[in-house]
């Protein structure tokens, strides 16, 4: 009897197994003069590259993306992803393992803002690239809470792959 590949279970295991990986830290590009640059800046801007590579392996995308904006725009056109409505009373009740999570923009000391994307491990933890740790890291689904109880980084969009 032939074995049946369990696509969703393999997808979830791949996300979990990515923790600690540096494989998505760099994307090298050359300008017209031939100067080579790491456009992800050694994991500073690698979250979309991480997420889109996993999604490409499972045929949710035709190719990886380097920016959160282009990734979000393309994912919102796909029939094999479902937008999960957020419940204002408890965001964690809307989230399942494997969901694609987009977080609000974060303002940095130099006044630049960055978007962020990753995967849910469960309803309280996520996995995304960490510019501080320079690898894929496990963290709280909203990066913890402030003293007032509000999320440190609010979730702006949840997409669920359908297998």
C-alpha atoms as a PDB file:
ATOM      1  CA  UNK A   1       0.000   0.000   0.000  1.00  0.00           C
ATOM      2  CA  UNK A   2       1.515   3.410  -0.995  1.00  0.00           C
ATOM      3  CA  UNK A   3       2.114   6.033   1.653  1.00  0.00           C
ATOM      4  CA  UNK A   4       0.023   9.206   1.641  1.00  0.00           C
ATOM      5  CA  UNK A   5       1.965  12.413   2.266  1.00  0.00           C
ATOM      6  CA  UNK A   6       0.298  14.460   4.997  1.00  0.00           C
ATOM      7  CA  UNK A   7       0.641  17.946   3.537  1.00  0.00           C
ATOM      8  CA  UNK A   8      -0.797  20.014   6.400  1.00  0.00           C
ATOM      9  CA  UNK A   9       1.061  18.060   9.085  1.00  0.00           C
ATOM     10  CA  UNK A  10       4.330  18.393   7.128  1.00  0.00           C
ATOM     11  CA  UNK A  11       3.678  22.138   6.687  1.00  0.00           C
ATOM     12  CA  UNK A  12       3.215  22.570  10.462  1.00  0.00           C
ATOM     13  CA  UNK A  13       6.316  20.470  11.222  1.00  0.00           C
ATOM     14  CA  UNK A  14       8.412  22.494   8.768  1.00  0.00           C
ATOM     15  CA  UNK A  15       7.364  25.727  10.487  1.00  0.00           C
ATOM     16  CA  UNK A  16       8.237  24.275  13.897  1.00  0.00           C
ATOM     17  CA  UNK A  17      11.544  22.854  12.628  1.00  0.00           C
ATOM     18  CA  UNK A  18      12.563  26.223  11.187  1.00  0.00           C
ATOM     19  CA  UNK A  19      13.159  27.682  14.676  1.00  0.00           C
ATOM     20  CA  UNK A  20      16.804  28.644  15.013  1.00  0.00           C
ATOM     21  CA  UNK A  21      17.448  28.486  11.264  1.00  0.00           C
ATOM     22  CA  UNK A  22      19.487  31.178   9.526  1.00  0.00           C
ATOM     23  CA  UNK A  23      18.713  29.891   6.038  1.00  0.00           C
ATOM     24  CA  UNK A  24      16.397  32.831   5.256  1.00  0.00           C
ATOM     25  CA  UNK A  25      18.737  35.604   6.510  1.00  0.00           C
ATOM     26  CA  UNK A  26      20.126  36.740   3.163  1.00  0.00           C
ATOM     27  CA  UNK A  27      19.011  37.457  -0.367  1.00  0.00           C
ATOM     28  CA  UNK A  28      21.886  38.644  -2.523  1.00  0.00           C
ATOM     29  CA  UNK A  29      21.340  40.991  -5.448  1.00  0.00           C
ATOM     30  CA  UNK A  30      23.651  42.869  -7.792  1.00  0.00           C
ATOM     31  CA  UNK A  31      23.106  46.373  -9.125  1.00  0.00           C
ATOM     32  CA  UNK A  32      23.980  47.480 -12.676  1.00  0.00           C
ATOM     33  CA  UNK A  33      27.637  47.986 -11.739  1.00  0.00           C
ATOM     34  CA  UNK A  34      27.881  44.464 -10.326  1.00  0.00           C
ATOM     35  CA  UNK A  35      27.992  45.543  -6.692  1.00  0.00           C
ATOM     36  CA  UNK A  36      26.504  42.756  -4.578  1.00  0.00           C
ATOM     37  CA  UNK A  37      24.269  43.599  -1.645  1.00  0.00           C
ATOM     38  CA  UNK A  38      22.300  41.533   0.868  1.00  0.00           C
ATOM     39  CA  UNK A  39      18.877  43.141   0.442  1.00  0.00           C
ATOM     40  CA  UNK A  40      17.606  41.413   3.618  1.00  0.00           C
ATOM     41  CA  UNK A  41      20.498  42.901   5.620  1.00  0.00           C
ATOM     42  CA  UNK A  42      21.369  39.669   7.454  1.00  0.00           C
ATOM     43  CA  UNK A  43      17.853  38.972   8.768  1.00  0.00           C
ATOM     44  CA  UNK A  44      16.819  42.576   9.438  1.00  0.00           C
ATOM     45  CA  UNK A  45      14.204  42.386   6.669  1.00  0.00           C
ATOM     46  CA  UNK A  46      13.825  38.624   6.174  1.00  0.00           C
ATOM     47  CA  UNK A  47      10.352  37.793   7.506  1.00  0.00           C
ATOM     48  CA  UNK A  48       8.562  37.856   4.143  1.00  0.00           C
ATOM     49  CA  UNK A  49      11.352  35.814   2.557  1.00  0.00           C
ATOM     50  CA  UNK A  50      10.992  33.171   5.290  1.00  0.00           C
ATOM     51  CA  UNK A  51       7.187  32.959   5.088  1.00  0.00           C
ATOM     52  CA  UNK A  52       7.021  33.072   1.298  1.00  0.00           C
ATOM     53  CA  UNK A  53       9.645  30.340   0.869  1.00  0.00           C
ATOM     54  CA  UNK A  54       7.635  27.952   3.058  1.00  0.00           C
ATOM     55  CA  UNK A  55       4.432  28.894   1.221  1.00  0.00           C
ATOM     56  CA  UNK A  56       6.157  28.376  -2.150  1.00  0.00           C
ATOM     57  CA  UNK A  57       7.314  24.884  -1.136  1.00  0.00           C
ATOM     58  CA  UNK A  58       3.672  23.998  -0.444  1.00  0.00           C
ATOM     59  CA  UNK A  59       2.470  25.625  -3.692  1.00  0.00           C
ATOM     60  CA  UNK A  60       0.532  28.483  -2.110  1.00  0.00           C
ATOM     61  CA  UNK A  61       2.758  30.897  -4.076  1.00  0.00           C
ATOM     62  CA  UNK A  62       4.550  30.593  -7.433  1.00  0.00           C
ATOM     63  CA  UNK A  63       7.778  32.132  -6.036  1.00  0.00           C
ATOM     64  CA  UNK A  64       9.180  33.684  -2.854  1.00  0.00           C
ATOM     65  CA  UNK A  65       8.766  37.376  -2.025  1.00  0.00           C
ATOM     66  CA  UNK A  66      11.198  39.771  -0.350  1.00  0.00           C
ATOM     67  CA  UNK A  67       8.752  42.340   1.082  1.00  0.00           C
ATOM     68  CA  UNK A  68       5.802  42.070   3.421  1.00  0.00           C
ATOM     69  CA  UNK A  69       3.750  44.381   1.220  1.00  0.00           C
ATOM     70  CA  UNK A  70       4.179  42.298  -1.941  1.00  0.00           C
ATOM     71  CA  UNK A  71       3.593  39.081   0.009  1.00  0.00           C
ATOM     72  CA  UNK A  72       0.370  40.356   1.612  1.00  0.00           C
ATOM     73  CA  UNK A  73      -0.932  41.707  -1.701  1.00  0.00           C
ATOM     74  CA  UNK A  74      -0.333  38.409  -3.488  1.00  0.00           C
ATOM     75  CA  UNK A  75      -1.725  36.250  -0.676  1.00  0.00           C
ATOM     76  CA  UNK A  76      -4.961  38.245  -0.597  1.00  0.00           C
ATOM     77  CA  UNK A  77      -5.615  37.184  -4.215  1.00  0.00           C
ATOM     78  CA  UNK A  78      -5.263  33.449  -3.538  1.00  0.00           C
ATOM     79  CA  UNK A  79      -8.235  31.094  -3.386  1.00  0.00           C
ATOM     80  CA  UNK A  80      -6.407  28.615  -1.146  1.00  0.00           C
ATOM     81  CA  UNK A  81      -6.133  31.058   1.779  1.00  0.00           C
ATOM     82  CA  UNK A  82      -8.976  32.202   4.007  1.00  0.00           C
ATOM     83  CA  UNK A  83      -9.053  35.576   5.791  1.00  0.00           C
ATOM     84  CA  UNK A  84      -9.839  34.899   9.449  1.00  0.00           C
ATOM     85  CA  UNK A  85     -11.950  37.616  11.069  1.00  0.00           C
ATOM     86  CA  UNK A  86     -10.486  38.859  14.320  1.00  0.00           C
ATOM     87  CA  UNK A  87     -12.551  38.646  17.460  1.00  0.00           C
ATOM     88  CA  UNK A  88     -11.975  41.822  19.425  1.00  0.00           C
ATOM     89  CA  UNK A  89     -12.618  40.136  22.776  1.00  0.00           C
ATOM     90  CA  UNK A  90      -9.851  37.536  22.396  1.00  0.00           C
ATOM     91  CA  UNK A  91      -7.609  37.438  19.330  1.00  0.00           C
ATOM     92  CA  UNK A  92      -6.070  34.127  20.360  1.00  0.00           C
ATOM     93  CA  UNK A  93      -9.418  32.342  19.946  1.00  0.00           C
ATOM     94  CA  UNK A  94      -9.264  33.098  16.196  1.00  0.00           C
ATOM     95  CA  UNK A  95      -5.783  31.656  15.631  1.00  0.00           C
ATOM     96  CA  UNK A  96      -4.759  28.113  14.693  1.00  0.00           C
ATOM     97  CA  UNK A  97      -1.346  26.539  14.131  1.00  0.00           C
ATOM     98  CA  UNK A  98      -0.101  27.331  10.632  1.00  0.00           C
ATOM     99  CA  UNK A  99      -2.006  30.586  10.246  1.00  0.00           C
ATOM    100  CA  UNK A 100      -0.086  33.377   8.543  1.00  0.00           C
ATOM    101  CA  UNK A 101       0.064  36.333  10.899  1.00  0.00           C
ATOM    102  CA  UNK A 102       0.697  39.951   9.888  1.00  0.00           C
ATOM    103  CA  UNK A 103       1.582  42.413  12.647  1.00  0.00           C
ATOM    104  CA  UNK A 104       1.239  46.185  12.752  1.00  0.00           C
ATOM    105  CA  UNK A 105       4.065  48.442  11.622  1.00  0.00           C
ATOM    106  CA  UNK A 106       6.802  49.028  14.159  1.00  0.00           C
ATOM    107  CA  UNK A 107       8.581  52.358  14.354  1.00  0.00           C
ATOM    108  CA  UNK A 108      12.330  52.208  14.876  1.00  0.00           C
ATOM    109  CA  UNK A 109      14.754  54.676  16.449  1.00  0.00           C
ATOM    110  CA  UNK A 110      15.714  56.027  13.010  1.00  0.00           C
ATOM    111  CA  UNK A 111      12.007  56.841  12.296  1.00  0.00           C
ATOM    112  CA  UNK A 112      11.650  54.033   9.745  1.00  0.00           C
ATOM    113  CA  UNK A 113       8.733  51.652  10.035  1.00  0.00           C
ATOM    114  CA  UNK A 114       8.662  47.963   9.232  1.00  0.00           C
ATOM    115  CA  UNK A 115       5.839  45.499   8.774  1.00  0.00           C
ATOM    116  CA  UNK A 116       6.194  41.943  10.000  1.00  0.00           C
ATOM    117  CA  UNK A 117       4.859  38.503   9.077  1.00  0.00           C
ATOM    118  CA  UNK A 118       5.216  35.006  10.485  1.00  0.00           C
ATOM    119  CA  UNK A 119       3.323  31.826  11.305  1.00  0.00           C
ATOM    120  CA  UNK A 120       1.249  30.849  14.339  1.00  0.00           C
ATOM    121  CA  UNK A 121       2.541  27.808  16.232  1.00  0.00           C
ATOM    122  CA  UNK A 122      -0.632  27.744  18.337  1.00  0.00           C
ATOM    123  CA  UNK A 123      -3.037  30.377  19.682  1.00  0.00           C
ATOM    124  CA  UNK A 124      -0.414  31.981  21.949  1.00  0.00           C
ATOM    125  CA  UNK A 125       2.926  31.538  20.143  1.00  0.00           C
ATOM    126  CA  UNK A 126       4.293  32.449  16.731  1.00  0.00           C
ATOM    127  CA  UNK A 127       7.425  31.940  14.663  1.00  0.00           C
ATOM    128  CA  UNK A 128       9.051  34.672  12.602  1.00  0.00           C
ATOM    129  CA  UNK A 129      12.494  35.963  11.797  1.00  0.00           C
ATOM    130  CA  UNK A 130      14.205  37.972  14.516  1.00  0.00           C
ATOM    131  CA  UNK A 131      16.540  40.781  13.529  1.00  0.00           C
ATOM    132  CA  UNK A 132      17.973  40.686  17.062  1.00  0.00           C
ATOM    133  CA  UNK A 133      18.697  36.940  17.070  1.00  0.00           C
ATOM    134  CA  UNK A 134      19.452  36.766  13.313  1.00  0.00           C
ATOM    135  CA  UNK A 135      17.396  33.596  12.909  1.00  0.00           C
ATOM    136  CA  UNK A 136      13.855  32.237  12.905  1.00  0.00           C
ATOM    137  CA  UNK A 137      12.585  32.548  16.477  1.00  0.00           C
ATOM    138  CA  UNK A 138       9.628  31.510  18.628  1.00  0.00           C
ATOM    139  CA  UNK A 139       7.819  34.330  20.439  1.00  0.00           C
ATOM    140  CA  UNK A 140       4.537  35.396  22.017  1.00  0.00           C
ATOM    141  CA  UNK A 141       1.759  35.810  19.435  1.00  0.00           C
ATOM    142  CA  UNK A 142       1.649  39.588  20.142  1.00  0.00           C
ATOM    143  CA  UNK A 143       5.199  39.964  21.472  1.00  0.00           C
ATOM    144  CA  UNK A 144       3.802  40.124  24.988  1.00  0.00           C
ATOM    145  CA  UNK A 145       1.642  42.791  26.567  1.00  0.00           C
ATOM    146  CA  UNK A 146       2.302  46.243  27.922  1.00  0.00           C
ATOM    147  CA  UNK A 147       1.673  47.159  31.559  1.00  0.00           C
ATOM    148  CA  UNK A 148      -1.827  48.298  30.550  1.00  0.00           C
ATOM    149  CA  UNK A 149      -2.541  44.876  29.035  1.00  0.00           C
ATOM    150  CA  UNK A 150      -2.495  45.867  25.370  1.00  0.00           C
ATOM    151  CA  UNK A 151      -0.477  43.787  22.899  1.00  0.00           C
ATOM    152  CA  UNK A 152       3.067  44.991  22.250  1.00  0.00           C
ATOM    153  CA  UNK A 153       2.463  44.390  18.545  1.00  0.00           C
ATOM    154  CA  UNK A 154      -1.114  44.056  17.345  1.00  0.00           C
ATOM    155  CA  UNK A 155      -2.132  41.553  14.715  1.00  0.00           C
ATOM    156  CA  UNK A 156      -3.540  43.217  11.600  1.00  0.00           C
ATOM    157  CA  UNK A 157      -4.345  40.208   9.411  1.00  0.00           C
ATOM    158  CA  UNK A 158      -4.708  36.437   9.815  1.00  0.00           C
ATOM    159  CA  UNK A 159      -4.711  34.163   6.766  1.00  0.00           C
ATOM    160  CA  UNK A 160      -5.338  30.419   6.971  1.00  0.00           C
ATOM    161  CA  UNK A 161      -3.972  28.061   4.313  1.00  0.00           C
ATOM    162  CA  UNK A 162      -6.470  25.455   3.130  1.00  0.00           C
ATOM    163  CA  UNK A 163      -5.117  21.998   2.368  1.00  0.00           C
END
